[in-house]
């Protein structure tokens, strides 16, 4: 696993934990990580991470609309 150092402004009141949770949720949202991978990055169980996604306005059902349209046509 890579280690990343990020410099954020002092006035941005974020803890390391909050930053990791935000990053994991956004990487999941973009499809860069699976639910399990994002949960592992966040140091949480899949269930706990899934429950947390709502706090970051990220849907648990991360399914691209283009694929959804295709699936509906093929049904």
N, C-alpha and C. Protein backbone atom coordinates (compact mmCIF):
# COMPACT_ATOMS: atom_id res chain seq x y z
N UNK A 1 0.85 -1.17 0.00
CA UNK A 1 0.00 0.00 0.00
C UNK A 1 0.89 1.24 0.00
N UNK A 2 0.49 2.24 -0.72
CA UNK A 2 1.25 3.49 -0.79
C UNK A 2 0.98 4.36 0.42
N UNK A 3 1.97 5.17 0.76
CA UNK A 3 1.80 6.18 1.79
C UNK A 3 1.80 7.53 1.11
N UNK A 4 0.84 8.36 1.47
CA UNK A 4 0.68 9.65 0.84
C UNK A 4 0.68 10.73 1.92
N UNK A 5 1.45 11.78 1.68
CA UNK A 5 1.47 12.92 2.58
C UNK A 5 0.71 14.06 1.91
N UNK A 6 -0.26 14.61 2.61
CA UNK A 6 -1.09 15.68 2.07
C UNK A 6 -1.00 16.89 2.99
N UNK A 7 -0.70 18.03 2.41
CA UNK A 7 -0.70 19.27 3.17
C UNK A 7 -2.04 19.96 2.95
N UNK A 8 -2.76 20.17 4.04
CA UNK A 8 -4.03 20.87 3.95
C UNK A 8 -3.95 22.13 4.81
N UNK A 9 -4.70 23.15 4.45
CA UNK A 9 -4.67 24.40 5.22
C UNK A 9 -5.07 24.17 6.67
N UNK A 10 -4.45 24.91 7.57
CA UNK A 10 -4.75 24.78 8.99
C UNK A 10 -6.21 25.11 9.30
N UNK A 11 -6.78 26.03 8.51
CA UNK A 11 -8.16 26.44 8.80
C UNK A 11 -9.18 25.40 8.33
N UNK A 12 -8.74 24.41 7.59
CA UNK A 12 -9.62 23.32 7.20
C UNK A 12 -9.59 22.31 8.34
N UNK A 13 -10.60 22.34 9.15
CA UNK A 13 -10.62 21.58 10.39
C UNK A 13 -10.97 20.11 10.12
N UNK A 14 -10.00 19.36 9.61
CA UNK A 14 -10.17 17.94 9.31
C UNK A 14 -9.14 17.13 10.07
N UNK A 15 -9.58 16.03 10.64
CA UNK A 15 -8.64 15.11 11.25
C UNK A 15 -8.14 14.15 10.18
N UNK A 16 -7.07 13.45 10.47
CA UNK A 16 -6.58 12.43 9.53
C UNK A 16 -7.66 11.41 9.23
N UNK A 17 -8.39 11.02 10.25
CA UNK A 17 -9.47 10.03 10.11
C UNK A 17 -10.55 10.53 9.16
N UNK A 18 -10.97 11.77 9.34
CA UNK A 18 -12.00 12.35 8.47
C UNK A 18 -11.54 12.39 7.02
N UNK A 19 -10.28 12.73 6.82
CA UNK A 19 -9.73 12.80 5.47
C UNK A 19 -9.69 11.41 4.82
N UNK A 20 -9.32 10.40 5.56
CA UNK A 20 -9.29 9.04 5.03
C UNK A 20 -10.70 8.57 4.68
N UNK A 21 -11.68 8.86 5.54
CA UNK A 21 -13.06 8.47 5.27
C UNK A 21 -13.59 9.17 4.02
N UNK A 22 -13.29 10.44 3.89
CA UNK A 22 -13.72 11.20 2.72
C UNK A 22 -13.09 10.62 1.45
N UNK A 23 -11.80 10.37 1.50
CA UNK A 23 -11.08 9.82 0.35
C UNK A 23 -11.64 8.45 -0.04
N UNK A 24 -11.84 7.59 0.93
CA UNK A 24 -12.36 6.25 0.66
C UNK A 24 -13.75 6.33 0.03
N UNK A 25 -14.60 7.21 0.54
CA UNK A 25 -15.96 7.32 0.00
C UNK A 25 -15.95 7.86 -1.42
N UNK A 26 -15.10 8.83 -1.70
CA UNK A 26 -15.05 9.40 -3.05
C UNK A 26 -14.41 8.44 -4.05
N UNK A 27 -13.41 7.67 -3.62
CA UNK A 27 -12.82 6.67 -4.51
C UNK A 27 -13.83 5.56 -4.82
N UNK A 28 -14.65 5.22 -3.83
CA UNK A 28 -15.73 4.26 -4.06
C UNK A 28 -16.76 4.83 -5.04
N UNK A 29 -17.13 6.07 -4.83
CA UNK A 29 -18.11 6.73 -5.69
C UNK A 29 -17.65 6.76 -7.15
N UNK A 30 -16.37 6.98 -7.36
CA UNK A 30 -15.82 7.06 -8.71
C UNK A 30 -15.55 5.68 -9.32
N UNK A 31 -15.76 4.64 -8.54
CA UNK A 31 -15.54 3.29 -9.05
C UNK A 31 -14.08 2.87 -9.05
N UNK A 32 -13.24 3.64 -8.37
CA UNK A 32 -11.81 3.30 -8.29
C UNK A 32 -11.56 2.19 -7.28
N UNK A 33 -12.43 2.08 -6.28
CA UNK A 33 -12.33 1.03 -5.27
C UNK A 33 -13.67 0.32 -5.14
N UNK A 34 -13.62 -0.96 -4.85
CA UNK A 34 -14.84 -1.70 -4.53
C UNK A 34 -15.27 -1.32 -3.12
N UNK A 35 -16.46 -1.76 -2.73
CA UNK A 35 -16.93 -1.48 -1.38
C UNK A 35 -15.96 -2.06 -0.35
N UNK A 36 -15.51 -3.29 -0.58
CA UNK A 36 -14.57 -3.93 0.35
C UNK A 36 -13.24 -3.21 0.43
N UNK A 37 -12.72 -2.79 -0.71
CA UNK A 37 -11.44 -2.06 -0.73
C UNK A 37 -11.56 -0.72 -0.02
N UNK A 38 -12.66 -0.02 -0.27
CA UNK A 38 -12.86 1.29 0.37
C UNK A 38 -13.03 1.12 1.87
N UNK A 39 -13.76 0.09 2.27
CA UNK A 39 -13.93 -0.17 3.70
C UNK A 39 -12.59 -0.48 4.36
N UNK A 40 -11.77 -1.26 3.67
CA UNK A 40 -10.44 -1.59 4.21
C UNK A 40 -9.59 -0.33 4.35
N UNK A 41 -9.61 0.53 3.32
CA UNK A 41 -8.86 1.78 3.38
C UNK A 41 -9.32 2.63 4.58
N UNK A 42 -10.62 2.63 4.81
CA UNK A 42 -11.19 3.41 5.92
C UNK A 42 -11.00 2.73 7.27
N UNK A 43 -10.58 1.47 7.26
CA UNK A 43 -10.40 0.74 8.52
C UNK A 43 -11.73 0.34 9.15
N UNK A 44 -12.73 0.07 8.29
CA UNK A 44 -14.07 -0.27 8.76
C UNK A 44 -14.53 -1.58 8.14
N UNK A 45 -15.58 -2.15 8.72
CA UNK A 45 -16.22 -3.29 8.07
C UNK A 45 -17.00 -2.76 6.87
N UNK A 46 -17.34 -3.67 5.95
CA UNK A 46 -18.13 -3.26 4.79
C UNK A 46 -19.46 -2.66 5.22
N UNK A 47 -20.10 -3.27 6.19
CA UNK A 47 -21.40 -2.78 6.66
C UNK A 47 -21.29 -1.37 7.23
N UNK A 48 -20.30 -1.16 8.08
CA UNK A 48 -20.12 0.16 8.70
C UNK A 48 -19.80 1.20 7.64
N UNK A 49 -18.93 0.84 6.70
CA UNK A 49 -18.58 1.78 5.63
C UNK A 49 -19.81 2.10 4.78
N UNK A 50 -20.60 1.08 4.45
CA UNK A 50 -21.81 1.29 3.65
C UNK A 50 -22.76 2.26 4.36
N UNK A 51 -22.88 2.14 5.67
CA UNK A 51 -23.74 3.04 6.44
C UNK A 51 -23.18 4.46 6.45
N UNK A 52 -21.88 4.60 6.39
CA UNK A 52 -21.23 5.91 6.42
C UNK A 52 -21.36 6.66 5.09
N UNK A 53 -21.53 5.96 3.99
CA UNK A 53 -21.56 6.60 2.67
C UNK A 53 -22.59 7.72 2.57
N UNK A 54 -23.70 7.57 3.21
CA UNK A 54 -24.74 8.61 3.17
C UNK A 54 -24.24 9.95 3.70
N UNK A 55 -23.36 9.92 4.67
CA UNK A 55 -22.81 11.17 5.24
C UNK A 55 -22.01 11.96 4.20
N UNK A 56 -21.55 11.28 3.17
CA UNK A 56 -20.76 11.91 2.11
C UNK A 56 -21.55 12.03 0.81
N UNK A 57 -22.88 11.85 0.91
CA UNK A 57 -23.77 11.91 -0.25
C UNK A 57 -23.34 10.96 -1.36
N UNK A 58 -22.90 9.77 -0.98
CA UNK A 58 -22.49 8.75 -1.93
C UNK A 58 -23.48 7.59 -1.82
N UNK A 59 -24.02 7.18 -2.96
CA UNK A 59 -24.97 6.08 -2.98
C UNK A 59 -24.25 4.75 -2.83
N UNK A 60 -24.84 3.86 -2.07
CA UNK A 60 -24.29 2.51 -1.94
C UNK A 60 -24.39 1.79 -3.27
N UNK A 61 -25.42 2.10 -4.03
CA UNK A 61 -25.65 1.46 -5.33
C UNK A 61 -24.97 2.29 -6.39
N UNK A 62 -23.69 2.07 -6.52
CA UNK A 62 -22.84 2.85 -7.41
C UNK A 62 -22.82 2.20 -8.78
N UNK A 63 -23.89 2.41 -9.53
CA UNK A 63 -24.07 1.76 -10.82
C UNK A 63 -24.21 2.83 -11.88
N UNK A 64 -23.33 2.89 -12.86
CA UNK A 64 -23.38 3.94 -13.88
C UNK A 64 -24.71 3.94 -14.64
N UNK A 65 -25.27 5.11 -14.86
CA UNK A 65 -26.56 5.21 -15.55
C UNK A 65 -26.49 4.65 -16.96
N UNK A 66 -25.34 4.77 -17.62
CA UNK A 66 -25.21 4.24 -18.97
C UNK A 66 -25.38 2.71 -18.97
N UNK A 67 -24.84 2.05 -17.98
CA UNK A 67 -24.99 0.59 -17.88
C UNK A 67 -26.41 0.22 -17.48
N UNK A 68 -27.04 1.05 -16.66
CA UNK A 68 -28.41 0.79 -16.25
C UNK A 68 -29.34 0.85 -17.46
N UNK A 69 -29.17 1.87 -18.30
CA UNK A 69 -29.98 2.00 -19.52
C UNK A 69 -29.79 0.78 -20.42
N UNK A 70 -28.57 0.35 -20.57
CA UNK A 70 -28.25 -0.82 -21.40
C UNK A 70 -28.92 -2.07 -20.83
N UNK A 71 -28.87 -2.24 -19.51
CA UNK A 71 -29.48 -3.40 -18.87
C UNK A 71 -30.99 -3.40 -19.05
N UNK A 72 -31.61 -2.24 -18.97
CA UNK A 72 -33.06 -2.13 -19.14
C UNK A 72 -33.45 -2.52 -20.56
N UNK A 73 -32.68 -2.06 -21.54
CA UNK A 73 -32.96 -2.39 -22.95
C UNK A 73 -32.82 -3.89 -23.21
N UNK A 74 -31.89 -4.53 -22.50
CA UNK A 74 -31.63 -5.95 -22.71
C UNK A 74 -32.54 -6.85 -21.88
N UNK A 75 -33.35 -6.27 -21.02
CA UNK A 75 -34.22 -7.08 -20.13
C UNK A 75 -35.41 -7.65 -20.86
